[in-house]
Amino acid sequence: MTKYLISFPASAMDVAAEDLPAVGDAARAVIREAKAAGVYVFAGGINTDAAPLLVAAGGTATHGTYPQTREFDGGFCVLELPSREAAVEWAARIATACRCAQELREFAYDPES
């Protein structure tokens, strides 16, 4: 089985404030379905109140990110699935719930993860 990252930037979610509770409920419902199906690994939203840190190999931490990094916020989940087709199906379910397109990325195989 392969792990897939399904994500979106906060700016992609163009939803009226009064619709946000319904979007949250729909997204949590899909996550419950993923858990029930046994494909859920992890999900969450980036806390934009906590500024990112760039931590060097020696442990020095500076505020910010790599200069080439575009804004990284919004929500994401990691699912472990049998095929890319299954990943596309789950991404579509999440896109419907969140009312915005999702980006799908495949993790490289690591025998120790």
N, C-alpha and C. Protein backbone atom coordinates (compact mmCIF):
# COMPACT_ATOMS: atom_id res chain seq x y z
N MET A 1 0.85 -1.18 0.00
CA MET A 1 0.00 0.00 0.00
C MET A 1 0.90 1.25 0.00
N THR A 2 0.42 2.29 -0.64
CA THR A 2 1.17 3.53 -0.77
C THR A 2 0.47 4.63 0.03
N LYS A 3 1.28 5.51 0.61
CA LYS A 3 0.73 6.65 1.33
C LYS A 3 0.61 7.84 0.37
N TYR A 4 -0.50 8.56 0.49
CA TYR A 4 -0.77 9.72 -0.35
C TYR A 4 -1.07 10.93 0.52
N LEU A 5 -0.55 12.08 0.09
CA LEU A 5 -0.85 13.35 0.73
C LEU A 5 -1.93 14.03 -0.10
N ILE A 6 -3.03 14.38 0.53
CA ILE A 6 -4.13 15.11 -0.11
C ILE A 6 -4.22 16.43 0.63
N SER A 7 -4.07 17.55 -0.10
CA SER A 7 -3.98 18.84 0.59
C SER A 7 -4.54 19.98 -0.25
N PHE A 8 -4.71 21.11 0.43
CA PHE A 8 -5.15 22.33 -0.25
C PHE A 8 -4.66 23.53 0.55
N PRO A 9 -4.35 24.66 -0.15
CA PRO A 9 -4.00 25.88 0.57
C PRO A 9 -5.28 26.57 1.06
N ALA A 10 -5.17 27.28 2.15
CA ALA A 10 -6.34 27.96 2.72
C ALA A 10 -7.00 28.89 1.69
N SER A 11 -6.20 29.52 0.85
CA SER A 11 -6.77 30.46 -0.13
C SER A 11 -7.66 29.78 -1.16
N ALA A 12 -7.54 28.47 -1.33
CA ALA A 12 -8.38 27.75 -2.28
C ALA A 12 -9.80 27.58 -1.78
N MET A 13 -9.98 27.65 -0.48
CA MET A 13 -11.30 27.44 0.10
C MET A 13 -12.05 28.78 0.14
N ASP A 14 -12.76 29.06 -0.90
CA ASP A 14 -13.53 30.29 -1.02
C ASP A 14 -14.97 29.99 -0.61
N VAL A 15 -15.19 29.97 0.71
CA VAL A 15 -16.48 29.57 1.26
C VAL A 15 -16.99 30.70 2.16
N ALA A 16 -18.26 31.00 2.05
CA ALA A 16 -18.85 32.03 2.91
C ALA A 16 -18.74 31.61 4.37
N ALA A 17 -18.54 32.57 5.24
CA ALA A 17 -18.37 32.30 6.67
C ALA A 17 -19.51 31.47 7.24
N GLU A 18 -20.72 31.72 6.79
CA GLU A 18 -21.86 30.97 7.33
C GLU A 18 -21.87 29.51 6.87
N ASP A 19 -21.10 29.20 5.81
CA ASP A 19 -21.02 27.82 5.31
C ASP A 19 -19.89 27.02 5.95
N LEU A 20 -18.98 27.68 6.65
CA LEU A 20 -17.82 26.98 7.22
C LEU A 20 -18.19 25.84 8.17
N PRO A 21 -19.19 25.99 9.04
CA PRO A 21 -19.55 24.85 9.89
C PRO A 21 -19.98 23.62 9.09
N ALA A 22 -20.72 23.82 8.01
CA ALA A 22 -21.16 22.70 7.18
C ALA A 22 -19.97 22.06 6.47
N VAL A 23 -19.02 22.88 6.02
CA VAL A 23 -17.82 22.36 5.38
C VAL A 23 -17.02 21.53 6.38
N GLY A 24 -16.87 22.04 7.59
CA GLY A 24 -16.16 21.30 8.63
C GLY A 24 -16.82 19.97 8.94
N ASP A 25 -18.14 19.98 9.04
CA ASP A 25 -18.87 18.73 9.30
C ASP A 25 -18.67 17.73 8.17
N ALA A 26 -18.73 18.22 6.93
CA ALA A 26 -18.57 17.34 5.77
C ALA A 26 -17.15 16.77 5.71
N ALA A 27 -16.16 17.60 5.99
CA ALA A 27 -14.78 17.13 5.97
C ALA A 27 -14.54 16.09 7.06
N ARG A 28 -15.05 16.35 8.25
CA ARG A 28 -14.89 15.36 9.35
C ARG A 28 -15.61 14.06 9.02
N ALA A 29 -16.71 14.13 8.30
CA ALA A 29 -17.43 12.91 7.91
C ALA A 29 -16.57 12.07 6.97
N VAL A 30 -15.88 12.71 6.02
CA VAL A 30 -15.01 11.96 5.11
C VAL A 30 -13.86 11.34 5.88
N ILE A 31 -13.31 12.06 6.83
CA ILE A 31 -12.21 11.51 7.65
C ILE A 31 -12.72 10.31 8.46
N ARG A 32 -13.92 10.39 8.99
CA ARG A 32 -14.50 9.23 9.70
C ARG A 32 -14.64 8.04 8.77
N GLU A 33 -15.05 8.30 7.52
CA GLU A 33 -15.16 7.23 6.52
C GLU A 33 -13.80 6.60 6.25
N ALA A 34 -12.77 7.45 6.13
CA ALA A 34 -11.41 6.93 5.89
C ALA A 34 -10.95 6.08 7.07
N LYS A 35 -11.25 6.51 8.28
CA LYS A 35 -10.90 5.72 9.47
C LYS A 35 -11.63 4.39 9.45
N ALA A 36 -12.92 4.42 9.15
CA ALA A 36 -13.72 3.19 9.12
C ALA A 36 -13.22 2.24 8.03
N ALA A 37 -12.71 2.79 6.94
CA ALA A 37 -12.20 1.97 5.84
C ALA A 37 -10.79 1.45 6.10
N GLY A 38 -10.16 1.94 7.18
CA GLY A 38 -8.82 1.50 7.53
C GLY A 38 -7.71 2.11 6.69
N VAL A 39 -7.97 3.26 6.02
CA VAL A 39 -6.96 3.89 5.16
C VAL A 39 -6.39 5.17 5.76
N TYR A 40 -6.93 5.61 6.87
CA TYR A 40 -6.52 6.86 7.51
C TYR A 40 -5.16 6.72 8.17
N VAL A 41 -4.27 7.70 7.93
CA VAL A 41 -2.99 7.75 8.61
C VAL A 41 -2.95 8.97 9.52
N PHE A 42 -3.22 10.15 8.96
CA PHE A 42 -3.14 11.39 9.72
C PHE A 42 -3.82 12.49 8.93
N ALA A 43 -4.39 13.46 9.63
CA ALA A 43 -4.98 14.63 8.97
C ALA A 43 -4.93 15.81 9.92
N GLY A 44 -5.02 17.00 9.36
CA GLY A 44 -5.06 18.19 10.19
C GLY A 44 -5.00 19.44 9.35
N GLY A 45 -5.06 20.54 10.05
CA GLY A 45 -4.93 21.83 9.40
C GLY A 45 -3.72 22.54 9.98
N ILE A 46 -3.04 23.32 9.16
CA ILE A 46 -1.87 24.06 9.61
C ILE A 46 -2.32 25.22 10.50
N ASN A 47 -1.72 25.33 11.67
CA ASN A 47 -2.03 26.40 12.61
C ASN A 47 -1.28 27.66 12.16
N THR A 48 -1.99 28.58 11.56
CA THR A 48 -1.35 29.79 11.05
C THR A 48 -1.02 30.78 12.15
N ASP A 49 -1.49 30.53 13.39
CA ASP A 49 -1.12 31.39 14.52
C ASP A 49 0.30 31.09 15.01
N ALA A 50 0.83 29.93 14.67
CA ALA A 50 2.20 29.56 15.04
C ALA A 50 3.08 29.74 13.81
N ALA A 51 3.98 30.72 13.87
CA ALA A 51 4.85 31.02 12.72
C ALA A 51 5.79 29.86 12.44
N PRO A 52 6.08 29.60 11.16
CA PRO A 52 7.01 28.52 10.83
C PRO A 52 8.44 28.87 11.22
N LEU A 53 9.21 27.85 11.53
CA LEU A 53 10.63 28.00 11.82
C LEU A 53 11.42 27.17 10.82
N LEU A 54 12.57 27.68 10.42
CA LEU A 54 13.49 26.94 9.58
C LEU A 54 14.61 26.48 10.50
N VAL A 55 14.73 25.17 10.69
CA VAL A 55 15.69 24.61 11.64
C VAL A 55 16.85 23.99 10.87
N ALA A 56 18.06 24.50 11.13
CA ALA A 56 19.27 24.01 10.45
C ALA A 56 19.76 22.71 11.09
N ALA A 57 20.66 22.04 10.41
CA ALA A 57 21.20 20.77 10.91
C ALA A 57 21.83 20.92 12.28
N GLY A 58 22.41 22.06 12.57
CA GLY A 58 23.04 22.29 13.87
C GLY A 58 22.07 22.67 14.97
N GLY A 59 20.79 22.80 14.61
CA GLY A 59 19.77 23.13 15.59
C GLY A 59 19.40 24.59 15.66
N THR A 60 20.08 25.45 14.90
CA THR A 60 19.74 26.87 14.87
C THR A 60 18.38 27.05 14.20
N ALA A 61 17.51 27.79 14.86
CA ALA A 61 16.16 28.03 14.32
C ALA A 61 15.99 29.51 13.99
N THR A 62 15.47 29.76 12.79
CA THR A 62 15.15 31.13 12.38
C THR A 62 13.70 31.18 11.93
N HIS A 63 13.08 32.31 12.14
CA HIS A 63 11.69 32.47 11.71
C HIS A 63 11.61 32.48 10.20
N GLY A 64 10.64 31.78 9.66
CA GLY A 64 10.42 31.78 8.23
C GLY A 64 10.54 30.40 7.63
N THR A 65 10.63 30.38 6.31
CA THR A 65 10.70 29.14 5.55
C THR A 65 11.79 29.27 4.50
N TYR A 66 11.96 28.22 3.71
CA TYR A 66 12.84 28.34 2.55
C TYR A 66 12.31 29.47 1.67
N PRO A 67 13.19 30.29 1.10
CA PRO A 67 12.72 31.39 0.25
C PRO A 67 11.84 30.94 -0.91
N GLN A 68 12.12 29.77 -1.49
CA GLN A 68 11.35 29.30 -2.63
C GLN A 68 10.03 28.64 -2.25
N THR A 69 9.80 28.47 -0.95
CA THR A 69 8.56 27.84 -0.51
C THR A 69 7.40 28.81 -0.65
N ARG A 70 6.38 28.34 -1.35
CA ARG A 70 5.17 29.15 -1.41
C ARG A 70 4.41 28.97 -0.11
N GLU A 71 3.43 29.77 0.08
CA GLU A 71 2.62 29.71 1.29
C GLU A 71 2.13 28.28 1.55
N PHE A 72 2.35 27.81 2.77
CA PHE A 72 1.90 26.47 3.14
C PHE A 72 0.95 26.61 4.32
N ASP A 73 -0.30 26.52 4.04
CA ASP A 73 -1.33 26.59 5.06
C ASP A 73 -2.50 25.75 4.57
N GLY A 74 -3.60 25.78 5.25
CA GLY A 74 -4.75 25.00 4.81
C GLY A 74 -4.82 23.67 5.51
N GLY A 75 -5.35 22.69 4.82
CA GLY A 75 -5.54 21.39 5.43
C GLY A 75 -4.92 20.28 4.60
N PHE A 76 -4.72 19.15 5.25
CA PHE A 76 -4.14 18.01 4.56
C PHE A 76 -4.52 16.72 5.27
N CYS A 77 -4.38 15.64 4.56
CA CYS A 77 -4.51 14.33 5.18
C CYS A 77 -3.57 13.36 4.47
N VAL A 78 -3.20 12.33 5.18
CA VAL A 78 -2.39 11.27 4.62
C VAL A 78 -3.22 10.00 4.71
N LEU A 79 -3.39 9.35 3.58
CA LEU A 79 -4.14 8.09 3.52
C LEU A 79 -3.23 7.02 2.93
N GLU A 80 -3.39 5.80 3.38
CA GLU A 80 -2.64 4.67 2.83
C GLU A 80 -3.60 3.86 1.99
N LEU A 81 -3.33 3.81 0.69
CA LEU A 81 -4.29 3.26 -0.27
C LEU A 81 -3.65 2.26 -1.22
N PRO A 82 -4.46 1.38 -1.81
CA PRO A 82 -3.93 0.34 -2.68
C PRO A 82 -3.53 0.81 -4.08
N SER A 83 -4.01 2.00 -4.50
CA SER A 83 -3.71 2.44 -5.87
C SER A 83 -3.88 3.95 -6.00
N ARG A 84 -3.30 4.49 -7.06
CA ARG A 84 -3.47 5.92 -7.36
C ARG A 84 -4.94 6.22 -7.68
N GLU A 85 -5.61 5.28 -8.32
CA GLU A 85 -7.03 5.46 -8.64
C GLU A 85 -7.84 5.62 -7.35
N ALA A 86 -7.53 4.81 -6.35
CA ALA A 86 -8.23 4.94 -5.07
C ALA A 86 -7.91 6.29 -4.43
N ALA A 87 -6.67 6.75 -4.58
CA ALA A 87 -6.28 8.06 -4.02
C ALA A 87 -7.07 9.18 -4.70
N VAL A 88 -7.25 9.07 -6.01
CA VAL A 88 -8.03 10.08 -6.74
C VAL A 88 -9.48 10.08 -6.23
N GLU A 89 -10.03 8.91 -6.00
CA GLU A 89 -11.41 8.82 -5.49
C GLU A 89 -11.54 9.48 -4.12
N TRP A 90 -10.58 9.22 -3.21
CA TRP A 90 -10.63 9.86 -1.89
C TRP A 90 -10.41 11.36 -1.99
N ALA A 91 -9.49 11.79 -2.87
CA ALA A 91 -9.26 13.23 -3.06
C ALA A 91 -10.52 13.91 -3.56
N ALA A 92 -11.26 13.25 -4.43
CA ALA A 92 -12.52 13.81 -4.93
C ALA A 92 -13.55 13.94 -3.81
N ARG A 93 -13.58 12.96 -2.92
CA ARG A 93 -14.51 13.03 -1.79
C ARG A 93 -14.16 14.21 -0.88
N ILE A 94 -12.87 14.38 -0.65
CA ILE A 94 -12.42 15.49 0.20
C ILE A 94 -12.67 16.81 -0.51
N ALA A 95 -12.45 16.88 -1.81
CA ALA A 95 -12.72 18.10 -2.58
C ALA A 95 -14.18 18.49 -2.49
N THR A 96 -15.06 17.50 -2.56
CA THR A 96 -16.49 17.78 -2.44
C THR A 96 -16.81 18.32 -1.05
N ALA A 97 -16.26 17.69 -0.03
CA ALA A 97 -16.53 18.12 1.35
C ALA A 97 -15.99 19.51 1.62
N CYS A 98 -14.77 19.78 1.15
CA CYS A 98 -14.12 21.07 1.42
C CYS A 98 -14.50 22.16 0.42
N ARG A 99 -15.19 21.76 -0.63
CA ARG A 99 -15.63 22.69 -1.67
C ARG A 99 -14.47 23.39 -2.37
N CYS A 100 -13.36 22.65 -2.53
CA CYS A 100 -12.23 23.17 -3.29
C CYS A 100 -11.38 22.00 -3.79
N ALA A 101 -10.66 22.25 -4.88
CA ALA A 101 -9.79 21.23 -5.45
C ALA A 101 -8.72 20.81 -4.45
N GLN A 102 -8.28 19.58 -4.58
CA GLN A 102 -7.25 19.03 -3.70
C GLN A 102 -6.02 18.67 -4.52
N GLU A 103 -4.86 18.85 -3.93
CA GLU A 103 -3.62 18.44 -4.55
C GLU A 103 -3.28 17.04 -4.05
N LEU A 104 -2.90 16.16 -4.94
CA LEU A 104 -2.60 14.78 -4.60
C LEU A 104 -1.12 14.51 -4.86
N ARG A 105 -0.43 14.02 -3.84
CA ARG A 105 0.99 13.67 -3.98
C ARG A 105 1.20 12.28 -3.39
N GLU A 106 2.10 11.55 -4.01
CA GLU A 106 2.41 10.19 -3.57
C GLU A 106 3.74 10.20 -2.81
N PHE A 107 3.76 9.56 -1.64
CA PHE A 107 5.00 9.43 -0.90
C PHE A 107 5.84 8.33 -1.55
N ALA A 108 7.16 8.54 -1.59
CA ALA A 108 8.06 7.52 -2.09
C ALA A 108 8.09 6.36 -1.09
N TYR A 109 8.29 5.18 -1.59
CA TYR A 109 8.32 4.00 -0.74
C TYR A 109 9.55 4.04 0.17
N ASP A 110 9.34 3.76 1.43
CA ASP A 110 10.41 3.64 2.41
C ASP A 110 10.09 2.39 3.22
N PRO A 111 10.93 1.38 3.14
CA PRO A 111 10.63 0.12 3.84
C PRO A 111 10.56 0.27 5.36
N GLU A 112 11.07 1.37 5.90
CA GLU A 112 11.06 1.54 7.35
C GLU A 112 9.97 2.47 7.85
N SER A 113 9.10 2.93 6.95
CA SER A 113 8.02 3.82 7.42
C SER A 113 6.69 3.11 7.42
